[in-house]
C-alpha atoms as a PDB file:
ATOM      1  CA  GLU A   1       0.000   0.000   0.000  1.00  0.00           C
ATOM      2  CA  ALA A   2       2.850   2.401   0.768  1.00  0.00           C
ATOM      3  CA  ILE A   3       4.339   1.806  -2.683  1.00  0.00           C
ATOM      4  CA  ARG A   4       0.942   2.236  -4.326  1.00  0.00           C
ATOM      5  CA  ASP A   5       0.237   5.479  -2.476  1.00  0.00           C
ATOM      6  CA  LEU A   6       3.653   6.845  -3.392  1.00  0.00           C
ATOM      7  CA  PHE A   7       3.534   6.102  -7.104  1.00  0.00           C
ATOM      8  CA  MET A   8      -0.116   6.301  -8.120  1.00  0.00           C
ATOM      9  CA  GLY A   9      -0.107  10.076  -7.764  1.00  0.00           C
ATOM     10  CA  GLN A  10       2.825  10.473 -10.140  1.00  0.00           C
ATOM     11  CA  ARG A  11       2.641  11.511 -13.780  1.00  0.00           C
ATOM     12  CA  TRP A  12       3.516   8.596 -16.048  1.00  0.00           C
ATOM     13  CA  ASP A  13       5.555   9.047 -19.236  1.00  0.00           C
ATOM     14  CA  ASP A  14       6.124   6.545 -22.008  1.00  0.00           C
ATOM     15  CA  ASP A  15       9.780   5.918 -21.216  1.00  0.00           C
ATOM     16  CA  THR A  16      11.932   3.095 -19.842  1.00  0.00           C
ATOM     17  CA  PRO A  17      14.884   4.593 -17.923  1.00  0.00           C
ATOM     18  CA  THR A  18      15.976   1.228 -16.538  1.00  0.00           C
ATOM     19  CA  GLY A  19      19.531   2.110 -15.565  1.00  0.00           C
ATOM     20  CA  ASP A  20      18.436   5.274 -13.791  1.00  0.00           C
ATOM     21  CA  ALA A  21      15.763   3.281 -11.926  1.00  0.00           C
ATOM     22  CA  ILE A  22      18.207   0.608 -10.736  1.00  0.00           C
ATOM     23  CA  ARG A  23      20.655   3.185  -9.439  1.00  0.00           C
ATOM     24  CA  ARG A  24      17.857   5.080  -7.721  1.00  0.00           C
ATOM     25  CA  VAL A  25      16.755   1.915  -5.909  1.00  0.00           C
ATOM     26  CA  VAL A  26      20.288   1.268  -4.672  1.00  0.00           C
ATOM     27  CA  GLU A  27      20.681   4.878  -3.525  1.00  0.00           C
ATOM     28  CA  THR A  28      17.337   5.375  -1.791  1.00  0.00           C
ATOM     29  CA  ILE A  29      15.800   2.019  -0.835  1.00  0.00           C
ATOM     30  CA  TYR A  30      18.441  -0.684  -0.491  1.00  0.00           C
ATOM     31  CA  ASP A  31      19.961  -1.081   2.978  1.00  0.00           C
ATOM     32  CA  PRO A  32      23.092  -3.285   2.892  1.00  0.00           C
ATOM     33  CA  ASN A  33      22.913  -3.612   6.691  1.00  0.00           C
ATOM     34  CA  ASP A  34      19.461  -5.211   6.648  1.00  0.00           C
ATOM     35  CA  PRO A  35      19.928  -8.867   7.718  1.00  0.00           C
ATOM     36  CA  ASN A  36      16.919  -9.985   5.694  1.00  0.00           C
ATOM     37  CA  PRO A  37      17.475 -11.081   2.082  1.00  0.00           C
ATOM     38  CA  THR A  38      16.842  -8.258  -0.383  1.00  0.00           C
ATOM     39  CA  ILE A  39      16.386  -8.581  -4.134  1.00  0.00           C
ATOM     40  CA  LEU A  40      15.415  -6.282  -6.990  1.00  0.00           C
ATOM     41  CA  VAL A  41      12.710  -7.560  -9.343  1.00  0.00           C
ATOM     42  CA  LEU A  42      12.687  -5.665 -12.631  1.00  0.00           C
ATOM     43  CA  ALA A  43       9.557  -6.069 -14.751  1.00  0.00           C
ATOM     44  CA  THR A  44      10.007  -4.309 -18.080  1.00  0.00           C
ATOM     45  CA  ASP A  45       8.232  -4.355 -21.410  1.00  0.00           C
ATOM     46  CA  GLY A  46      10.853  -2.925 -23.705  1.00  0.00           C
ATOM     47  CA  GLU A  47      14.383  -1.912 -24.527  1.00  0.00           C
ATOM     48  CA  PRO A  48      15.751   0.737 -22.172  1.00  0.00           C
ATOM     49  CA  ASP A  49      16.195   4.419 -22.684  1.00  0.00           C
ATOM     50  CA  SER A  50      17.392   6.874 -20.045  1.00  0.00           C
ATOM     51  CA  CYS A  51      16.564  10.192 -18.459  1.00  0.00           C
ATOM     52  CA  ARG A  52      19.318  11.634 -20.616  1.00  0.00           C
ATOM     53  CA  CYS A  53      18.005   9.912 -23.779  1.00  0.00           C
ATOM     54  CA  PRO A  54      14.248   9.370 -23.345  1.00  0.00           C
ATOM     55  CA  ASN A  55      13.838   8.667 -27.058  1.00  0.00           C
ATOM     56  CA  PHE A  56      15.938   7.547 -29.987  1.00  0.00           C
ATOM     57  CA  GLY A  57      15.579   8.720 -33.552  1.00  0.00           C
ATOM     58  CA  SER A  58      15.609  11.900 -35.597  1.00  0.00           C
ATOM     59  CA  GLY A  59      13.277  14.223 -37.427  1.00  0.00           C
ATOM     60  CA  PRO A  60      10.924  17.004 -36.399  1.00  0.00           C
ATOM     61  CA  GLY A  61       8.527  14.659 -34.610  1.00  0.00           C
ATOM     62  CA  CYS A  62      11.167  13.192 -32.307  1.00  0.00           C
ATOM     63  CA  ILE A  63      11.257  15.104 -29.017  1.00  0.00           C
ATOM     64  CA  ASN A  64      14.334  14.991 -26.765  1.00  0.00           C
ATOM     65  CA  CYS A  65      15.815  12.352 -29.033  1.00  0.00           C
ATOM     66  CA  CYS A  66      19.284  10.873 -29.066  1.00  0.00           C
ATOM     67  CA  PRO A  67      20.756   9.273 -32.194  1.00  0.00           C
ATOM     68  CA  THR A  68      19.885   5.599 -32.592  1.00  0.00           C
ATOM     69  CA  SER A  69      23.625   4.918 -32.529  1.00  0.00           C
ATOM     70  CA  GLN A  70      23.517   5.578 -28.767  1.00  0.00           C
ATOM     71  CA  GLU A  71      21.038   2.787 -27.997  1.00  0.00           C
ATOM     72  CA  SER A  72      23.798   0.260 -27.336  1.00  0.00           C
ATOM     73  CA  ALA A  73      25.541   2.708 -24.992  1.00  0.00           C
ATOM     74  CA  VAL A  74      22.324   3.154 -23.000  1.00  0.00           C
ATOM     75  CA  GLN A  75      21.909  -0.630 -22.790  1.00  0.00           C
ATOM     76  CA  GLN A  76      25.448  -0.862 -21.445  1.00  0.00           C
ATOM     77  CA  GLU A  77      24.584   1.747 -18.809  1.00  0.00           C
ATOM     78  CA  VAL A  78      21.779  -0.561 -17.644  1.00  0.00           C
ATOM     79  CA  LEU A  79      24.125  -3.548 -17.445  1.00  0.00           C
ATOM     80  CA  ASP A  80      26.635  -1.449 -15.514  1.00  0.00           C
ATOM     81  CA  ALA A  81      23.924  -0.367 -13.058  1.00  0.00           C
ATOM     82  CA  ALA A  82      22.835  -3.978 -12.481  1.00  0.00           C
ATOM     83  CA  ALA A  83      26.462  -5.057 -12.015  1.00  0.00           C
ATOM     84  CA  GLU A  84      27.000  -2.291  -9.455  1.00  0.00           C
ATOM     85  CA  ALA A  85      23.836  -3.318  -7.616  1.00  0.00           C
ATOM     86  CA  TYR A  86      24.981  -6.951  -7.505  1.00  0.00           C
ATOM     87  CA  ALA A  87      28.415  -5.915  -6.225  1.00  0.00           C
ATOM     88  CA  ALA A  88      26.642  -3.975  -3.458  1.00  0.00           C
ATOM     89  CA  GLY A  89      24.733  -7.129  -2.480  1.00  0.00           C
ATOM     90  CA  LEU A  90      21.512  -6.548  -4.417  1.00  0.00           C
ATOM     91  CA  PRO A  91      20.817  -9.146  -7.153  1.00  0.00           C
ATOM     92  CA  THR A  92      18.407  -8.271  -9.964  1.00  0.00           C
ATOM     93  CA  PHE A  93      15.798 -10.655 -11.363  1.00  0.00           C
ATOM     94  CA  VAL A  94      14.236  -9.791 -14.720  1.00  0.00           C
ATOM     95  CA  ILE A  95      10.649 -10.330 -15.845  1.00  0.00           C
ATOM     96  CA  ALA A  96      10.222  -9.605 -19.545  1.00  0.00           C
ATOM     97  CA  ILE A  97       6.721  -8.323 -20.297  1.00  0.00           C
ATOM     98  CA  SER A  98       7.015  -9.122 -23.964  1.00  0.00           C
ATOM     99  CA  GLY A  99       6.148 -11.681 -26.584  1.00  0.00           C
ATOM    100  CA  ASP A 100       9.514 -11.342 -28.300  1.00  0.00           C
ATOM    101  CA  VAL A 101      12.160 -12.185 -25.727  1.00  0.00           C
ATOM    102  CA  ALA A 102      14.243 -14.068 -28.289  1.00  0.00           C
ATOM    103  CA  GLY A 103      14.360 -10.921 -30.399  1.00  0.00           C
ATOM    104  CA  LYS A 104      15.567  -8.807 -27.478  1.00  0.00           C
ATOM    105  CA  PRO A 105      18.820 -10.312 -26.177  1.00  0.00           C
ATOM    106  CA  HIS A 106      19.273  -7.390 -23.787  1.00  0.00           C
ATOM    107  CA  PHE A 107      16.737  -9.013 -21.438  1.00  0.00           C
ATOM    108  CA  GLN A 108      18.904 -12.121 -21.036  1.00  0.00           C
ATOM    109  CA  GLN A 109      22.086 -10.084 -20.722  1.00  0.00           C
ATOM    110  CA  LEU A 110      20.501  -8.050 -17.935  1.00  0.00           C
ATOM    111  CA  ALA A 111      19.311 -11.185 -16.127  1.00  0.00           C
ATOM    112  CA  ASN A 112      22.835 -12.596 -16.360  1.00  0.00           C
ATOM    113  CA  VAL A 113      24.532  -9.485 -14.996  1.00  0.00           C
ATOM    114  CA  GLY A 114      21.922  -9.209 -12.244  1.00  0.00           C
ATOM    115  CA  ALA A 115      22.951 -12.695 -11.095  1.00  0.00           C
ATOM    116  CA  GLY A 116      26.660 -11.897 -11.132  1.00  0.00           C
ATOM    117  CA  LEU A 117      27.375 -13.503 -14.511  1.00  0.00           C
ATOM    118  CA  PRO A 118      28.933 -11.905 -17.592  1.00  0.00           C
ATOM    119  CA  PRO A 119      26.369 -10.614 -20.109  1.00  0.00           C
ATOM    120  CA  THR A 120      27.224 -13.398 -22.548  1.00  0.00           C
ATOM    121  CA  GLY A 121      29.413 -16.477 -22.590  1.00  0.00           C
ATOM    122  CA  GLY A 122      29.079 -17.404 -18.923  1.00  0.00           C
ATOM    123  CA  GLY A 123      25.812 -19.311 -18.910  1.00  0.00           C
ATOM    124  CA  ASN A 124      22.317 -17.929 -18.582  1.00  0.00           C
ATOM    125  CA  ALA A 125      20.566 -16.864 -15.402  1.00  0.00           C
ATOM    126  CA  PRO A 126      16.799 -17.427 -15.145  1.00  0.00           C
ATOM    127  CA  LEU A 127      14.814 -15.003 -17.302  1.00  0.00           C
ATOM    128  CA  TYR A 128      11.113 -14.832 -16.554  1.00  0.00           C
ATOM    129  CA  GLU A 129       8.473 -14.036 -19.172  1.00  0.00           C
ATOM    130  CA  ALA A 130       4.960 -12.768 -18.591  1.00  0.00           C
ATOM    131  CA  SER A 131       2.310 -11.894 -21.149  1.00  0.00           C
ATOM    132  CA  ASP A 132      -0.661 -11.625 -18.768  1.00  0.00           C
ATOM    133  CA  GLY A 133      -1.498 -11.059 -15.117  1.00  0.00           C
ATOM    134  CA  ALA A 134      -1.423 -14.729 -14.155  1.00  0.00           C
ATOM    135  CA  ALA A 135       2.011 -15.230 -15.703  1.00  0.00           C
ATOM    136  CA  LEU A 136       3.297 -12.102 -13.971  1.00  0.00           C
ATOM    137  CA  GLU A 137       2.051 -13.328 -10.593  1.00  0.00           C
ATOM    138  CA  SER A 138       3.615 -16.741 -11.214  1.00  0.00           C
ATOM    139  CA  ALA A 139       6.940 -15.136 -12.120  1.00  0.00           C
ATOM    140  CA  PHE A 140       6.962 -13.074  -8.920  1.00  0.00           C
ATOM    141  CA  GLU A 141       6.175 -16.156  -6.819  1.00  0.00           C
ATOM    142  CA  SER A 142       8.959 -18.160  -8.464  1.00  0.00           C
ATOM    143  CA  ILE A 143      11.484 -15.397  -7.916  1.00  0.00           C
ATOM    144  CA  ILE A 144      10.549 -14.738  -4.295  1.00  0.00           C
ATOM    145  CA  ASN A 145      10.371 -18.409  -3.317  1.00  0.00           C
ATOM    146  CA  GLY A 146      13.743 -19.019  -4.924  1.00  0.00           C
ATOM    147  CA  ALA A 147      15.378 -16.004  -3.309  1.00  0.00           C
ATOM    148  CA  LEU A 148      14.244 -16.548   0.249  1.00  0.00           C
ATOM    149  CA  SER A 149      16.197 -18.929   2.432  1.00  0.00           C
ATOM    150  CA  CYS A 150      15.609 -20.918   5.597  1.00  0.00           C
ATOM    151  CA  ASP A 151      19.274 -20.612   6.540  1.00  0.00           C
ATOM    152  CA  VAL A 152      19.698 -18.227   9.474  1.00  0.00           C
ATOM    153  CA  ASP A 153      22.873 -16.325  10.361  1.00  0.00           C
ATOM    154  CA  LEU A 154      24.142 -16.610  13.932  1.00  0.00           C
ATOM    155  CA  HIS A 155      26.083 -13.917  15.737  1.00  0.00           C
ATOM    156  CA  ALA A 156      28.538 -16.409  17.251  1.00  0.00           C
ATOM    157  CA  ASN A 157      29.916 -19.854  16.550  1.00  0.00           C
ATOM    158  CA  VAL A 158      27.859 -22.909  17.497  1.00  0.00           C
ATOM    159  CA  THR A 159      29.631 -26.255  17.235  1.00  0.00           C
ATOM    160  CA  ALA A 160      27.982 -29.521  16.265  1.00  0.00           C
ATOM    161  CA  GLN A 161      28.375 -30.690  19.852  1.00  0.00           C
ATOM    162  CA  ASP A 162      26.611 -27.595  21.211  1.00  0.00           C
ATOM    163  CA  LEU A 163      23.808 -27.451  18.641  1.00  0.00           C
ATOM    164  CA  CYS A 164      21.159 -29.314  20.639  1.00  0.00           C
ATOM    165  CA  ARG A 165      22.072 -27.479  23.832  1.00  0.00           C
ATOM    166  CA  GLY A 166      20.456 -24.404  22.328  1.00  0.00           C
ATOM    167  CA  THR A 167      16.858 -23.216  22.360  1.00  0.00           C
ATOM    168  CA  VAL A 168      15.314 -22.044  19.084  1.00  0.00           C
ATOM    169  CA  VAL A 169      11.834 -20.514  19.197  1.00  0.00           C
ATOM    170  CA  LEU A 170       9.783 -19.579  16.117  1.00  0.00           C
ATOM    171  CA  ASN A 171       6.721 -17.395  16.711  1.00  0.00           C
ATOM    172  CA  GLY A 172       6.768 -18.438  20.361  1.00  0.00           C
ATOM    173  CA  GLU A 173       6.956 -22.183  19.620  1.00  0.00           C
ATOM    174  CA  PRO A 174      10.138 -24.118  20.496  1.00  0.00           C
ATOM    175  CA  LEU A 175      11.678 -26.106  17.634  1.00  0.00           C
ATOM    176  CA  GLU A 176      13.158 -29.591  17.865  1.00  0.00           C
ATOM    177  CA  CYS A 177      16.886 -29.888  17.325  1.00  0.00           C
ATOM    178  CA  ASN A 178      17.554 -32.009  14.222  1.00  0.00           C
ATOM    179  CA  GLY A 179      13.826 -32.689  13.950  1.00  0.00           C
ATOM    180  CA  PRO A 180      12.015 -32.920  10.593  1.00  0.00           C
ATOM    181  CA  HIS A 181      10.180 -29.672  11.380  1.00  0.00           C
ATOM    182  CA  GLY A 182      12.789 -28.127  13.628  1.00  0.00           C
ATOM    183  CA  PHE A 183      16.298 -26.827  13.061  1.00  0.00           C
ATOM    184  CA  SER A 184      19.637 -28.275  12.013  1.00  0.00           C
ATOM    185  CA  ARG A 185      23.218 -27.060  11.770  1.00  0.00           C
ATOM    186  CA  VAL A 186      24.674 -25.872   8.462  1.00  0.00           C
ATOM    187  CA  ASP A 187      28.032 -24.704   9.817  1.00  0.00           C
ATOM    188  CA  ASP A 188      29.413 -22.836  12.835  1.00  0.00           C
ATOM    189  CA  ARG A 189      27.568 -19.632  11.936  1.00  0.00           C
ATOM    190  CA  HIS A 190      24.334 -20.895  10.354  1.00  0.00           C
ATOM    191  CA  ILE A 191      21.338 -23.020  11.279  1.00  0.00           C
ATOM    192  CA  ARG A 192      18.605 -24.197   8.911  1.00  0.00           C
ATOM    193  CA  LEU A 193      14.887 -24.310   9.624  1.00  0.00           C
ATOM    194  CA  GLU A 194      13.365 -27.569   8.408  1.00  0.00           C
ATOM    195  CA  GLY A 195       9.945 -28.697   7.185  1.00  0.00           C
ATOM    196  CA  ALA A 196       6.983 -26.811   8.597  1.00  0.00           C
ATOM    197  CA  ALA A 197       9.292 -24.401  10.422  1.00  0.00           C
ATOM    198  CA  CYS A 198      10.824 -23.368   7.112  1.00  0.00           C
ATOM    199  CA  ASP A 199       7.373 -23.001   5.543  1.00  0.00           C
ATOM    200  CA  THR A 200       6.258 -20.735   8.377  1.00  0.00           C
ATOM    201  CA  TRP A 201       9.428 -18.642   8.199  1.00  0.00           C
ATOM    202  CA  LEU A 202       8.974 -18.029   4.469  1.00  0.00           C
ATOM    203  CA  ALA A 203       5.213 -17.503   4.507  1.00  0.00           C
ATOM    204  CA  ASP A 204       4.842 -15.253   7.549  1.00  0.00           C
ATOM    205  CA  PRO A 205       6.255 -11.741   6.973  1.00  0.00           C
ATOM    206  CA  ASP A 206       5.894 -11.025  10.698  1.00  0.00           C
ATOM    207  CA  ALA A 207       7.635 -14.195  11.876  1.00  0.00           C
ATOM    208  CA  THR A 208      10.073 -13.854  14.776  1.00  0.00           C
ATOM    209  CA  LEU A 209      12.933 -16.189  15.582  1.00  0.00           C
ATOM    210  CA  ASP A 210      14.816 -16.342  18.887  1.00  0.00           C
ATOM    211  CA  ALA A 211      17.832 -18.594  19.373  1.00  0.00           C
ATOM    212  CA  LYS A 212      20.031 -18.961  22.461  1.00  0.00           C
ATOM    213  CA  TRP A 213      22.959 -21.173  23.405  1.00  0.00           C
ATOM    214  CA  PRO A 214      24.772 -21.511  26.735  1.00  0.00           C
ATOM    215  CA  CYS A 215      27.912 -20.191  25.071  1.00  0.00           C
ATOM    216  CA  GLY A 216      26.145 -16.861  24.557  1.00  0.00           C
ATOM    217  CA  ALA A 217      25.212 -17.003  20.889  1.00  0.00           C
ATOM    218  CA  VAL A 218      21.977 -15.057  20.730  1.00  0.00           C
ATOM    219  CA  ILE A 219      19.930 -13.906  17.737  1.00  0.00           C
ATOM    220  CA  VAL A 220      16.662 -12.040  17.614  1.00  0.00           C
ATOM    221  CA  ILE A 221      15.469 -11.613  14.037  1.00  0.00           C
ATOM    222  CA  PRO A 222      12.234  -9.704  13.427  1.00  0.00           C
ATOM    223  CA  GLY A 223      10.193 -10.547  10.359  1.00  0.00           C
END
């Protein structure tokens, strides 16, 4: 609702300043100190332009136009912005709102760079396509479910021997150590929520997790 209230009162123009938008998100919204996983989902229906070059072309009917020869430079600006976001800890997932993804290789290049890969030649990251509302919703669900994790960072080391000496409580309910719906050890600094505990952690945006060990490792993670 906050996003809707902020943007619905704005004036909309027929432009796609993708690179400018990515950089703006990193500057104003992204918090690298937030312990919760953060991703950028970019849903776009066309090749990018920019605030500097809102249109490409020439002639008397072309307003604020840049030469078409600059289109590739603007696309590179978008890739650079996504690469900078990834380096800052913010991966970008791309949803192409288009029926011609194969004819627009920039979409795949952007998805690759957003996942920390080179634009070409290093394998392809997932690229999501959506031509209607149902497909768009499905793409968002796939991205979010894939990005969220049931691995939890600890603020101190917990050895395998000490794991079950700890108390882990999810939404006020204690979890069983090494149980099918409890928690297990990944390494000294991470535990993993299993089964129903994992499902609750991912599905409940207000979930709280408290974990304590005799050695003093304590975490309190708000949803």
